[in-house]
PDB file of N, CA and C in Angstrom:
ATOM      1  N   MET A   1      20.697  -6.847   1.599  1.00  0.00           N
ATOM      2  CA  MET A   1      19.835  -5.945   2.125  1.00  0.00           C
ATOM      3  C   MET A   1      20.224  -4.523   1.616  1.00  0.00           C
ATOM      4  N   GLY A   2      19.335  -3.630   1.472  1.00  0.00           N
ATOM      5  CA  GLY A   2      19.729  -2.100   1.065  1.00  0.00           C
ATOM      6  C   GLY A   2      19.095  -1.599  -0.193  1.00  0.00           C
ATOM      7  N   LYS A   3      18.825  -2.678  -1.127  1.00  0.00           N
ATOM      8  CA  LYS A   3      18.437  -2.176  -2.466  1.00  0.00           C
ATOM      9  C   LYS A   3      16.973  -2.342  -2.603  1.00  0.00           C
ATOM     10  N   GLU A   4      16.336  -2.963  -1.620  1.00  0.00           N
ATOM     11  CA  GLU A   4      14.796  -3.055  -1.642  1.00  0.00           C
ATOM     12  C   GLU A   4      14.216  -1.692  -1.657  1.00  0.00           C
ATOM     13  N   TYR A   5      13.036  -1.825  -2.413  1.00  0.00           N
ATOM     14  CA  TYR A   5      12.384  -0.530  -2.601  1.00  0.00           C
ATOM     15  C   TYR A   5      11.132  -0.505  -1.552  1.00  0.00           C
ATOM     16  N   VAL A   6      11.303   0.382  -0.532  1.00  0.00           N
ATOM     17  CA  VAL A   6      10.352   0.460   0.628  1.00  0.00           C
ATOM     18  C   VAL A   6       9.653   1.741   0.585  1.00  0.00           C
ATOM     19  N   LEU A   7       8.178   1.501   0.916  1.00  0.00           N
ATOM     20  CA  LEU A   7       7.345   2.681   0.758  1.00  0.00           C
ATOM     21  C   LEU A   7       6.227   2.443   1.822  1.00  0.00           C
ATOM     22  N   GLU A   8       5.752   3.590   2.201  1.00  0.00           N
ATOM     23  CA  GLU A   8       4.396   3.728   3.145  1.00  0.00           C
ATOM     24  C   GLU A   8       3.630   4.611   2.340  1.00  0.00           C
ATOM     25  N   VAL A   9       2.289   4.204   2.454  1.00  0.00           N
ATOM     26  CA  VAL A   9       1.233   5.020   1.828  1.00  0.00           C
ATOM     27  C   VAL A   9       0.137   5.243   2.851  1.00  0.00           C
ATOM     28  N   GLU A  10      -0.141   6.403   3.246  1.00  0.00           N
ATOM     29  CA  GLU A  10      -1.182   6.727   4.234  1.00  0.00           C
ATOM     30  C   GLU A  10      -2.437   7.316   3.490  1.00  0.00           C
ATOM     31  N   PHE A  11      -3.548   6.579   3.801  1.00  0.00           N
ATOM     32  CA  PHE A  11      -4.714   7.050   3.274  1.00  0.00           C
ATOM     33  C   PHE A  11      -5.704   7.528   4.472  1.00  0.00           C
ATOM     34  N   VAL A  12      -6.185   8.871   4.253  1.00  0.00           N
ATOM     35  CA  VAL A  12      -7.228   9.334   5.170  1.00  0.00           C
ATOM     36  C   VAL A  12      -8.512   9.304   4.415  1.00  0.00           C
ATOM     37  N   LEU A  13      -9.294   8.608   4.932  1.00  0.00           N
ATOM     38  CA  LEU A  13     -10.684   8.143   4.423  1.00  0.00           C
ATOM     39  C   LEU A  13     -11.779   9.144   4.428  1.00  0.00           C
ATOM     40  N   ASN A  14     -12.785   9.204   3.628  1.00  0.00           N
ATOM     41  CA  ASN A  14     -13.894   9.974   3.843  1.00  0.00           C
ATOM     42  C   ASN A  14     -14.751   9.206   5.010  1.00  0.00           C
ATOM     43  N   ASP A  15     -15.701  10.060   5.500  1.00  0.00           N
ATOM     44  CA  ASP A  15     -16.569   9.614   6.592  1.00  0.00           C
ATOM     45  C   ASP A  15     -17.476   8.361   6.034  1.00  0.00           C
ATOM     46  N   GLY A  16     -17.333   7.375   6.792  1.00  0.00           N
ATOM     47  CA  GLY A  16     -18.220   6.149   6.364  1.00  0.00           C
ATOM     48  C   GLY A  16     -17.727   5.290   5.407  1.00  0.00           C
ATOM     49  N   ALA A  17     -16.405   5.538   5.048  1.00  0.00           N
ATOM     50  CA  ALA A  17     -15.701   4.725   3.986  1.00  0.00           C
ATOM     51  C   ALA A  17     -14.689   3.596   4.304  1.00  0.00           C
ATOM     52  N   VAL A  18     -14.543   3.508   5.636  1.00  0.00           N
ATOM     53  CA  VAL A  18     -13.601   2.639   6.308  1.00  0.00           C
ATOM     54  C   VAL A  18     -13.809   1.164   5.831  1.00  0.00           C
ATOM     55  N   ASP A  19     -15.088   0.808   6.077  1.00  0.00           N
ATOM     56  CA  ASP A  19     -15.396  -0.706   5.707  1.00  0.00           C
ATOM     57  C   ASP A  19     -15.131  -1.004   4.193  1.00  0.00           C
ATOM     58  N   GLU A  20     -15.598  -0.094   3.402  1.00  0.00           N
ATOM     59  CA  GLU A  20     -15.473  -0.358   1.872  1.00  0.00           C
ATOM     60  C   GLU A  20     -13.940  -0.415   1.573  1.00  0.00           C
ATOM     61  N   PHE A  21     -13.342   0.606   2.005  1.00  0.00           N
ATOM     62  CA  PHE A  21     -11.840   0.722   1.542  1.00  0.00           C
ATOM     63  C   PHE A  21     -11.027  -0.557   2.109  1.00  0.00           C
ATOM     64  N   LEU A  22     -11.381  -1.048   3.382  1.00  0.00           N
ATOM     65  CA  LEU A  22     -10.613  -2.231   3.829  1.00  0.00           C
ATOM     66  C   LEU A  22     -10.894  -3.365   2.915  1.00  0.00           C
ATOM     67  N   LYS A  23     -12.086  -3.510   2.441  1.00  0.00           N
ATOM     68  CA  LYS A  23     -12.468  -4.497   1.608  1.00  0.00           C
ATOM     69  C   LYS A  23     -11.612  -4.483   0.278  1.00  0.00           C
ATOM     70  N   ILE A  24     -11.448  -3.389  -0.377  1.00  0.00           N
ATOM     71  CA  ILE A  24     -10.807  -3.428  -1.502  1.00  0.00           C
ATOM     72  C   ILE A  24      -9.287  -3.322  -1.344  1.00  0.00           C
ATOM     73  N   VAL A  25      -8.788  -2.751  -0.319  1.00  0.00           N
ATOM     74  CA  VAL A  25      -7.283  -2.817  -0.085  1.00  0.00           C
ATOM     75  C   VAL A  25      -6.818  -4.213   0.361  1.00  0.00           C
ATOM     76  N   ILE A  26      -7.597  -4.960   1.189  1.00  0.00           N
ATOM     77  CA  ILE A  26      -7.113  -6.255   1.516  1.00  0.00           C
ATOM     78  C   ILE A  26      -7.088  -7.079   0.309  1.00  0.00           C
ATOM     79  N   GLU A  27      -8.109  -7.034  -0.535  1.00  0.00           N
ATOM     80  CA  GLU A  27      -7.932  -7.778  -1.866  1.00  0.00           C
ATOM     81  C   GLU A  27      -6.797  -7.542  -2.549  1.00  0.00           C
ATOM     82  N   ASN A  28      -6.341  -6.105  -2.737  1.00  0.00           N
ATOM     83  CA  ASN A  28      -5.264  -5.716  -3.429  1.00  0.00           C
ATOM     84  C   ASN A  28      -3.918  -6.275  -2.705  1.00  0.00           C
ATOM     85  N   ALA A  29      -3.875  -6.169  -1.361  1.00  0.00           N
ATOM     86  CA  ALA A  29      -2.800  -6.728  -0.568  1.00  0.00           C
ATOM     87  C   ALA A  29      -2.574  -8.053  -0.897  1.00  0.00           C
ATOM     88  N   THR A  30      -3.670  -8.953  -0.745  1.00  0.00           N
ATOM     89  CA  THR A  30      -3.636 -10.265  -1.002  1.00  0.00           C
ATOM     90  C   THR A  30      -3.055 -10.783  -2.273  1.00  0.00           C
ATOM     91  N   ASN A  31      -3.512 -10.011  -3.418  1.00  0.00           N
ATOM     92  CA  ASN A  31      -2.884 -10.349  -4.799  1.00  0.00           C
ATOM     93  C   ASN A  31      -1.479  -9.762  -4.732  1.00  0.00           C
ATOM     94  N   SER A  32      -1.220  -8.675  -4.016  1.00  0.00           N
ATOM     95  CA  SER A  32       0.080  -8.103  -4.105  1.00  0.00           C
ATOM     96  C   SER A  32       1.186  -8.994  -3.587  1.00  0.00           C
ATOM     97  N   ARG A  33       0.942  -9.722  -2.569  1.00  0.00           N
ATOM     98  CA  ARG A  33       1.869 -10.593  -1.984  1.00  0.00           C
ATOM     99  C   ARG A  33       2.137 -11.784  -2.796  1.00  0.00           C
ATOM    100  N   LYS A  34       1.423 -11.994  -4.051  1.00  0.00           N
ATOM    101  CA  LYS A  34       1.739 -13.074  -4.815  1.00  0.00           C
ATOM    102  C   LYS A  34       2.596 -12.722  -5.922  1.00  0.00           C
ATOM    103  N   GLU A  35       2.908 -11.424  -6.018  1.00  0.00           N
ATOM    104  CA  GLU A  35       3.841 -10.912  -6.975  1.00  0.00           C
ATOM    105  C   GLU A  35       5.196 -11.292  -6.646  1.00  0.00           C
ATOM    106  N   PRO A  36       6.080 -11.656  -7.842  1.00  0.00           N
ATOM    107  CA  PRO A  36       7.325 -12.202  -7.563  1.00  0.00           C
ATOM    108  C   PRO A  36       8.238 -11.437  -6.811  1.00  0.00           C
ATOM    109  N   LYS A  37       8.166 -10.037  -7.029  1.00  0.00           N
ATOM    110  CA  LYS A  37       9.101  -9.157  -6.404  1.00  0.00           C
ATOM    111  C   LYS A  37       8.583  -8.425  -5.052  1.00  0.00           C
ATOM    112  N   CYS A  38       7.347  -8.713  -4.834  1.00  0.00           N
ATOM    113  CA  CYS A  38       6.833  -8.062  -3.480  1.00  0.00           C
ATOM    114  C   CYS A  38       7.336  -9.126  -2.354  1.00  0.00           C
ATOM    115  N   LYS A  39       7.929  -8.344  -1.478  1.00  0.00           N
ATOM    116  CA  LYS A  39       8.443  -9.026  -0.205  1.00  0.00           C
ATOM    117  C   LYS A  39       7.536  -8.978   0.930  1.00  0.00           C
ATOM    118  N   ARG A  40       6.863  -7.756   0.918  1.00  0.00           N
ATOM    119  CA  ARG A  40       5.901  -7.526   2.140  1.00  0.00           C
ATOM    120  C   ARG A  40       4.979  -6.508   1.665  1.00  0.00           C
ATOM    121  N   PHE A  41       3.582  -6.740   2.194  1.00  0.00           N
ATOM    122  CA  PHE A  41       2.666  -5.803   1.790  1.00  0.00           C
ATOM    123  C   PHE A  41       1.723  -5.818   3.007  1.00  0.00           C
ATOM    124  N   ASP A  42       1.675  -4.891   3.941  1.00  0.00           N
ATOM    125  CA  ASP A  42       0.970  -4.824   5.120  1.00  0.00           C
ATOM    126  C   ASP A  42      -0.176  -3.830   5.124  1.00  0.00           C
ATOM    127  N   VAL A  43      -1.297  -4.160   5.578  1.00  0.00           N
ATOM    128  CA  VAL A  43      -2.266  -3.011   5.855  1.00  0.00           C
ATOM    129  C   VAL A  43      -2.402  -2.864   7.330  1.00  0.00           C
ATOM    130  N   LEU A  44      -2.192  -1.512   7.623  1.00  0.00           N
ATOM    131  CA  LEU A  44      -2.145  -1.183   9.105  1.00  0.00           C
ATOM    132  C   LEU A  44      -3.292  -0.102   9.385  1.00  0.00           C
ATOM    133  N   ARG A  45      -3.615  -0.187  10.663  1.00  0.00           N
ATOM    134  CA  ARG A  45      -4.573   0.766  11.243  1.00  0.00           C
ATOM    135  C   ARG A  45      -3.957   1.542  12.312  1.00  0.00           C
ATOM    136  N   PRO A  46      -3.727   2.823  12.283  1.00  0.00           N
ATOM    137  CA  PRO A  46      -3.179   3.468  13.461  1.00  0.00           C
ATOM    138  C   PRO A  46      -4.209   3.474  14.569  1.00  0.00           C
ATOM    139  N   HIS A  47      -3.680   3.263  15.876  1.00  0.00           N
ATOM    140  CA  HIS A  47      -4.583   3.307  17.158  1.00  0.00           C
ATOM    141  C   HIS A  47      -5.236   4.680  17.420  1.00  0.00           C
ATOM    142  N   ASP A  48      -4.504   5.649  16.812  1.00  0.00           N
ATOM    143  CA  ASP A  48      -4.932   7.156  17.294  1.00  0.00           C
ATOM    144  C   ASP A  48      -5.958   7.747  16.380  1.00  0.00           C
ATOM    145  N   THR A  49      -6.377   6.983  15.419  1.00  0.00           N
ATOM    146  CA  THR A  49      -7.274   7.568  14.511  1.00  0.00           C
ATOM    147  C   THR A  49      -8.229   6.475  13.975  1.00  0.00           C
ATOM    148  N   THR A  50      -9.439   6.758  13.473  1.00  0.00           N
ATOM    149  CA  THR A  50     -10.523   5.821  12.947  1.00  0.00           C
ATOM    150  C   THR A  50     -10.549   6.041  11.468  1.00  0.00           C
ATOM    151  N   ASP A  51      -9.990   6.990  10.914  1.00  0.00           N
ATOM    152  CA  ASP A  51     -10.273   7.245   9.459  1.00  0.00           C
ATOM    153  C   ASP A  51      -8.962   7.049   8.585  1.00  0.00           C
ATOM    154  N   THR A  52      -7.875   6.298   9.024  1.00  0.00           N
ATOM    155  CA  THR A  52      -6.693   6.272   8.346  1.00  0.00           C
ATOM    156  C   THR A  52      -6.199   4.816   8.294  1.00  0.00           C
ATOM    157  N   VAL A  53      -5.777   4.447   7.069  1.00  0.00           N
ATOM    158  CA  VAL A  53      -5.162   3.288   6.676  1.00  0.00           C
ATOM    159  C   VAL A  53      -3.869   3.363   6.258  1.00  0.00           C
ATOM    160  N   VAL A  54      -2.839   2.585   6.664  1.00  0.00           N
ATOM    161  CA  VAL A  54      -1.493   2.908   6.126  1.00  0.00           C
ATOM    162  C   VAL A  54      -1.061   1.437   5.550  1.00  0.00           C
ATOM    163  N   LEU A  55      -0.587   1.586   4.272  1.00  0.00           N
ATOM    164  CA  LEU A  55       0.162   0.498   3.727  1.00  0.00           C
ATOM    165  C   LEU A  55       1.756   0.504   3.859  1.00  0.00           C
ATOM    166  N   TYR A  56       2.312  -0.652   4.169  1.00  0.00           N
ATOM    167  CA  TYR A  56       3.761  -0.770   4.160  1.00  0.00           C
ATOM    168  C   TYR A  56       4.174  -1.692   3.224  1.00  0.00           C
ATOM    169  N   GLU A  57       5.054  -1.435   2.304  1.00  0.00           N
ATOM    170  CA  GLU A  57       5.278  -2.394   1.257  1.00  0.00           C
ATOM    171  C   GLU A  57       6.758  -2.316   0.996  1.00  0.00           C
ATOM    172  N   ILE A  58       7.290  -3.638   0.733  1.00  0.00           N
ATOM    173  CA  ILE A  58       8.686  -3.764   0.308  1.00  0.00           C
ATOM    174  C   ILE A  58       8.732  -4.628  -0.977  1.00  0.00           C
ATOM    175  N   TYR A  59       9.481  -4.103  -1.879  1.00  0.00           N
ATOM    176  CA  TYR A  59       9.657  -4.770  -3.023  1.00  0.00           C
ATOM    177  C   TYR A  59      11.236  -5.024  -3.381  1.00  0.00           C
ATOM    178  N   ASP A  60      11.545  -6.077  -4.150  1.00  0.00           N
ATOM    179  CA  ASP A  60      12.917  -6.394  -4.487  1.00  0.00           C
ATOM    180  C   ASP A  60      13.707  -4.995  -4.654  1.00  0.00           C
ATOM    181  N   ASP A  61      13.203  -4.336  -5.657  1.00  0.00           N
ATOM    182  CA  ASP A  61      13.661  -3.028  -6.074  1.00  0.00           C
ATOM    183  C   ASP A  61      12.682  -2.242  -6.762  1.00  0.00           C
ATOM    184  N   GLU A  62      12.967  -1.030  -7.352  1.00  0.00           N
ATOM    185  CA  GLU A  62      11.938  -0.220  -7.814  1.00  0.00           C
ATOM    186  C   GLU A  62      11.336  -0.805  -9.050  1.00  0.00           C
ATOM    187  N   SER A  63      11.728  -1.605  -9.791  1.00  0.00           N
ATOM    188  CA  SER A  63      11.081  -2.227 -10.839  1.00  0.00           C
ATOM    189  C   SER A  63      10.141  -3.344 -10.426  1.00  0.00           C
ATOM    190  N   GLY A  64      10.259  -3.808  -9.140  1.00  0.00           N
ATOM    191  CA  GLY A  64       9.098  -4.543  -8.698  1.00  0.00           C
ATOM    192  C   GLY A  64       7.888  -3.766  -8.371  1.00  0.00           C
ATOM    193  N   TYR A  65       8.189  -2.542  -7.648  1.00  0.00           N
ATOM    194  CA  TYR A  65       7.105  -1.646  -7.480  1.00  0.00           C
ATOM    195  C   TYR A  65       6.328  -1.213  -8.824  1.00  0.00           C
ATOM    196  N   ASP A  66       7.126  -0.827  -9.776  1.00  0.00           N
ATOM    197  CA  ASP A  66       6.668  -0.438 -11.158  1.00  0.00           C
ATOM    198  C   ASP A  66       5.858  -1.561 -11.722  1.00  0.00           C
ATOM    199  N   ALA A  67       6.152  -2.880 -11.676  1.00  0.00           N
ATOM    200  CA  ALA A  67       5.504  -3.944 -12.026  1.00  0.00           C
ATOM    201  C   ALA A  67       4.189  -4.097 -11.307  1.00  0.00           C
ATOM    202  N   HIS A  68       4.254  -3.839  -9.985  1.00  0.00           N
ATOM    203  CA  HIS A  68       2.998  -3.898  -9.219  1.00  0.00           C
ATOM    204  C   HIS A  68       2.098  -2.874  -9.738  1.00  0.00           C
ATOM    205  N   ARG A  69       2.493  -1.762 -10.039  1.00  0.00           N
ATOM    206  CA  ARG A  69       1.544  -0.668 -10.532  1.00  0.00           C
ATOM    207  C   ARG A  69       0.921  -0.931 -11.880  1.00  0.00           C
ATOM    208  N   GLN A  70       1.482  -2.081 -12.580  1.00  0.00           N
ATOM    209  CA  GLN A  70       0.855  -2.393 -13.867  1.00  0.00           C
ATOM    210  C   GLN A  70       0.012  -3.622 -13.873  1.00  0.00           C
ATOM    211  N   THR A  71      -0.247  -4.067 -12.674  1.00  0.00           N
ATOM    212  CA  THR A  71      -1.130  -5.324 -12.513  1.00  0.00           C
ATOM    213  C   THR A  71      -2.682  -4.976 -12.590  1.00  0.00           C
ATOM    214  N   GLU A  72      -3.422  -5.946 -12.944  1.00  0.00           N
ATOM    215  CA  GLU A  72      -4.854  -5.723 -13.054  1.00  0.00           C
ATOM    216  C   GLU A  72      -5.421  -5.443 -11.700  1.00  0.00           C
ATOM    217  N   HIS A  73      -4.919  -6.093 -10.529  1.00  0.00           N
ATOM    218  CA  HIS A  73      -5.561  -5.886  -9.245  1.00  0.00           C
ATOM    219  C   HIS A  73      -5.210  -4.471  -8.751  1.00  0.00           C
ATOM    220  N   TYR A  74      -4.069  -3.972  -9.072  1.00  0.00           N
ATOM    221  CA  TYR A  74      -3.745  -2.625  -8.666  1.00  0.00           C
ATOM    222  C   TYR A  74      -4.601  -1.608  -9.429  1.00  0.00           C
ATOM    223  N   ALA A  75      -4.879  -1.858 -10.587  1.00  0.00           N
ATOM    224  CA  ALA A  75      -5.785  -0.853 -11.450  1.00  0.00           C
ATOM    225  C   ALA A  75      -7.180  -0.904 -10.895  1.00  0.00           C
ATOM    226  N   LYS A  76      -7.690  -2.129 -10.582  1.00  0.00           N
ATOM    227  CA  LYS A  76      -8.949  -2.222  -9.969  1.00  0.00           C
ATOM    228  C   LYS A  76      -8.923  -1.388  -8.399  1.00  0.00           C
ATOM    229  N   PHE A  77      -8.056  -1.705  -7.709  1.00  0.00           N
ATOM    230  CA  PHE A  77      -7.969  -0.944  -6.548  1.00  0.00           C
ATOM    231  C   PHE A  77      -7.783   0.537  -6.724  1.00  0.00           C
ATOM    232  N   ASP A  78      -6.994   1.037  -7.528  1.00  0.00           N
ATOM    233  CA  ASP A  78      -6.845   2.377  -7.858  1.00  0.00           C
ATOM    234  C   ASP A  78      -7.987   3.090  -8.146  1.00  0.00           C
ATOM    235  N   ALA A  79      -8.668   2.561  -9.089  1.00  0.00           N
ATOM    236  CA  ALA A  79     -10.044   3.112  -9.571  1.00  0.00           C
ATOM    237  C   ALA A  79     -11.079   3.166  -8.381  1.00  0.00           C
ATOM    238  N   ALA A  80     -11.126   2.003  -7.535  1.00  0.00           N
ATOM    239  CA  ALA A  80     -12.140   1.953  -6.664  1.00  0.00           C
ATOM    240  C   ALA A  80     -11.812   2.926  -5.352  1.00  0.00           C
ATOM    241  N   ARG A  81     -10.709   3.121  -5.193  1.00  0.00           N
ATOM    242  CA  ARG A  81     -10.152   3.830  -3.965  1.00  0.00           C
ATOM    243  C   ARG A  81     -10.450   5.424  -4.043  1.00  0.00           C
ATOM    244  N   LYS A  82     -10.366   5.970  -5.144  1.00  0.00           N
ATOM    245  CA  LYS A  82     -10.469   7.273  -5.369  1.00  0.00           C
ATOM    246  C   LYS A  82     -11.639   8.023  -4.634  1.00  0.00           C
ATOM    247  N   PRO A  83     -12.938   7.497  -4.876  1.00  0.00           N
ATOM    248  CA  PRO A  83     -14.161   8.222  -4.202  1.00  0.00           C
ATOM    249  C   PRO A  83     -13.995   8.014  -2.700  1.00  0.00           C
ATOM    250  N   LEU A  84     -13.215   7.083  -2.102  1.00  0.00           N
ATOM    251  CA  LEU A  84     -13.246   6.841  -0.788  1.00  0.00           C
ATOM    252  C   LEU A  84     -12.335   7.576   0.033  1.00  0.00           C
ATOM    253  N   ILE A  85     -11.399   8.271  -0.607  1.00  0.00           N
ATOM    254  CA  ILE A  85     -10.318   8.865   0.287  1.00  0.00           C
ATOM    255  C   ILE A  85     -10.383  10.621   0.211  1.00  0.00           C
ATOM    256  N   LYS A  86      -9.993  11.083   1.416  1.00  0.00           N
ATOM    257  CA  LYS A  86      -9.938  12.553   1.472  1.00  0.00           C
ATOM    258  C   LYS A  86      -8.534  13.016   0.827  1.00  0.00           C
ATOM    259  N   SER A  87      -7.487  12.075   1.346  1.00  0.00           N
ATOM    260  CA  SER A  87      -6.001  12.604   1.059  1.00  0.00           C
ATOM    261  C   SER A  87      -5.126  11.308   1.026  1.00  0.00           C
ATOM    262  N   VAL A  88      -4.095  11.166   0.390  1.00  0.00           N
ATOM    263  CA  VAL A  88      -3.141  10.283   0.384  1.00  0.00           C
ATOM    264  C   VAL A  88      -1.682  10.773   0.546  1.00  0.00           C
ATOM    265  N   LYS A  89      -0.749  10.130   1.190  1.00  0.00           N
ATOM    266  CA  LYS A  89       0.512  10.527   1.319  1.00  0.00           C
ATOM    267  C   LYS A  89       1.392   9.285   1.213  1.00  0.00           C
ATOM    268  N   ARG A  90       2.463   9.504   0.344  1.00  0.00           N
ATOM    269  CA  ARG A  90       3.310   8.410  -0.071  1.00  0.00           C
ATOM    270  C   ARG A  90       4.769   8.886   0.316  1.00  0.00           C
ATOM    271  N   ARG A  91       5.378   7.915   1.027  1.00  0.00           N
ATOM    272  CA  ARG A  91       6.806   8.247   1.442  1.00  0.00           C
ATOM    273  C   ARG A  91       7.859   6.889   1.053  1.00  0.00           C
ATOM    274  N   ASN A  92       8.962   7.197   0.612  1.00  0.00           N
ATOM    275  CA  ASN A  92       9.761   6.186   0.343  1.00  0.00           C
ATOM    276  C   ASN A  92      10.798   6.143   1.271  1.00  0.00           C
ATOM    277  N   PHE A  93      11.477   5.030   1.606  1.00  0.00           N
ATOM    278  CA  PHE A  93      12.421   4.911   2.667  1.00  0.00           C
ATOM    279  C   PHE A  93      13.826   4.285   2.164  1.00  0.00           C
ATOM    280  N   GLY A  94      14.897   4.578   2.764  1.00  0.00           N
ATOM    281  CA  GLY A  94      16.117   3.946   2.412  1.00  0.00           C
ATOM    282  C   GLY A  94      16.558   3.245   3.825  1.00  0.00           C
ATOM    283  N   TRP A  95      17.452   2.264   3.722  1.00  0.00           N
ATOM    284  CA  TRP A  95      17.801   1.545   5.010  1.00  0.00           C
ATOM    285  C   TRP A  95      18.965   2.321   5.568  1.00  0.00           C
ATOM    286  N   SER A  96      18.818   2.429   6.883  1.00  0.00           N
ATOM    287  CA  SER A  96      19.854   3.099   7.831  1.00  0.00           C
ATOM    288  C   SER A  96      20.727   2.137   8.644  1.00  0.00           C
ATOM    289  N   ASN A  97      19.970   0.829   8.961  1.00  0.00           N
ATOM    290  CA  ASN A  97      20.661  -0.120   9.913  1.00  0.00           C
ATOM    291  C   ASN A  97      21.653  -0.781   9.069  1.00  0.00           C
ATOM    292  N   PRO A  98      22.756  -1.227   9.702  1.00  0.00           N
ATOM    293  CA  PRO A  98      23.743  -1.912   9.076  1.00  0.00           C
ATOM    294  C   PRO A  98      23.358  -3.272   8.659  1.00  0.00           C
ATOM    295  N   VAL A  99      24.057  -3.714   7.532  1.00  0.00           N
ATOM    296  CA  VAL A  99      23.676  -4.935   6.927  1.00  0.00           C
ATOM    297  C   VAL A  99      24.058  -6.073   7.855  1.00  0.00           C
TER     298      VAL A  99
END
Protein backbone atom coordinates (compact mmCIF):
# COMPACT_ATOMS: atom_id res chain seq x y z
CA MET A 1 0.00 0.00 0.00
CA GLY A 2 1.13 3.56 -0.47
CA LYS A 3 1.79 3.77 -4.17
CA GLU A 4 -1.84 3.73 -5.24
CA TYR A 5 -3.14 6.81 -7.01
CA VAL A 6 -6.11 8.15 -5.03
CA LEU A 7 -8.36 10.99 -6.08
CA GLU A 8 -11.65 12.63 -5.29
CA VAL A 9 -13.60 14.61 -7.87
CA GLU A 10 -16.48 16.81 -6.71
CA PHE A 11 -19.05 17.96 -9.25
CA VAL A 12 -21.53 20.74 -8.47
CA LEU A 13 -24.35 20.36 -10.95
CA ASN A 14 -26.61 22.77 -12.77
CA ASP A 15 -30.24 22.99 -11.64
CA GLY A 16 -32.19 19.99 -12.87
CA ALA A 17 -29.10 18.09 -14.06
CA VAL A 18 -28.76 15.51 -11.27
CA ASP A 19 -30.71 12.66 -12.91
CA GLU A 20 -28.93 12.97 -16.26
CA PHE A 21 -25.53 13.31 -14.58
CA LEU A 22 -26.12 10.23 -12.42
CA LYS A 23 -27.04 8.23 -15.50
CA ILE A 24 -23.80 9.05 -17.33
CA VAL A 25 -21.52 8.90 -14.29
CA ILE A 26 -22.81 5.49 -13.18
CA GLU A 27 -22.23 4.15 -16.70
CA ASN A 28 -18.69 5.52 -16.55
CA ALA A 29 -18.11 4.06 -13.07
CA THR A 30 -19.38 0.63 -14.14
CA ASN A 31 -16.97 0.56 -17.08
CA SER A 32 -14.11 2.03 -15.06
CA ARG A 33 -14.31 -0.78 -12.49
CA LYS A 34 -13.48 -3.21 -15.30
CA GLU A 35 -10.15 -1.50 -16.04
CA PRO A 36 -7.17 -3.62 -14.95
CA LYS A 37 -5.56 -0.89 -12.79
CA CYS A 38 -8.78 0.48 -11.24
CA LYS A 39 -9.09 -0.73 -7.64
CA ARG A 40 -12.11 1.37 -6.64
CA PHE A 41 -14.54 3.76 -8.27
CA ASP A 42 -17.36 5.05 -6.08
CA VAL A 43 -20.13 7.52 -6.93
CA LEU A 44 -21.18 9.35 -3.76
CA ARG A 45 -23.92 11.85 -2.88
CA PRO A 46 -23.29 14.11 0.15
CA HIS A 47 -26.21 14.26 2.59
CA ASP A 48 -25.96 18.03 3.02
CA THR A 49 -26.59 19.03 -0.61
CA THR A 50 -28.78 17.98 -3.53
CA ASP A 51 -26.63 19.30 -6.37
CA THR A 52 -23.30 17.60 -5.70
CA VAL A 53 -21.82 14.25 -6.74
CA VAL A 54 -18.41 13.05 -5.58
CA LEU A 55 -16.25 10.39 -7.21
CA TYR A 56 -13.74 8.48 -5.10
CA GLU A 57 -11.23 6.59 -7.22
CA ILE A 58 -8.21 4.42 -6.52
CA TYR A 59 -5.86 3.13 -9.21
CA ASP A 60 -2.78 0.91 -8.87
CA ASP A 61 -0.65 3.93 -9.79
CA GLU A 62 -0.76 7.16 -11.76
CA SER A 63 -0.36 5.29 -15.05
CA GLY A 64 -3.62 3.49 -14.24
CA TYR A 65 -5.38 6.83 -13.95
CA ASP A 66 -3.75 8.04 -17.16
CA ALA A 67 -4.97 4.87 -18.93
CA HIS A 68 -8.47 5.49 -17.53
CA ARG A 69 -8.53 8.94 -19.12
CA GLN A 70 -7.72 7.39 -22.52
CA THR A 71 -10.69 5.01 -22.57
CA GLU A 72 -13.71 5.39 -24.81
CA HIS A 73 -16.10 5.40 -21.84
CA TYR A 74 -14.19 8.25 -20.18
CA ALA A 75 -14.27 10.32 -23.39
CA LYS A 76 -18.01 9.75 -23.67
CA PHE A 77 -18.55 10.76 -20.03
CA ASP A 78 -16.25 13.78 -20.29
CA ALA A 79 -18.12 15.16 -23.30
CA ALA A 80 -21.58 14.52 -21.85
CA ARG A 81 -20.83 15.98 -18.40
CA LYS A 82 -19.65 19.43 -19.49
CA PRO A 83 -23.07 21.05 -20.04
CA LEU A 84 -24.40 19.54 -16.79
CA ILE A 85 -21.91 20.98 -14.28
CA LYS A 86 -21.40 24.33 -12.59
CA SER A 87 -18.00 23.45 -11.22
CA VAL A 88 -15.57 20.62 -10.68
CA LYS A 89 -12.90 20.23 -8.00
CA ARG A 90 -10.26 17.49 -8.12
CA ARG A 91 -8.02 16.48 -5.23
CA ASN A 92 -5.29 13.85 -5.01
CA PHE A 93 -4.42 12.04 -1.81
CA GLY A 94 -1.44 10.26 -0.33
CA TRP A 95 -1.56 7.60 2.35
CA SER A 96 -0.90 8.69 5.93
CA ASN A 97 -1.86 5.53 7.77
CA PRO A 98 0.85 2.95 8.52
CA VAL A 99 1.22 0.01 6.15
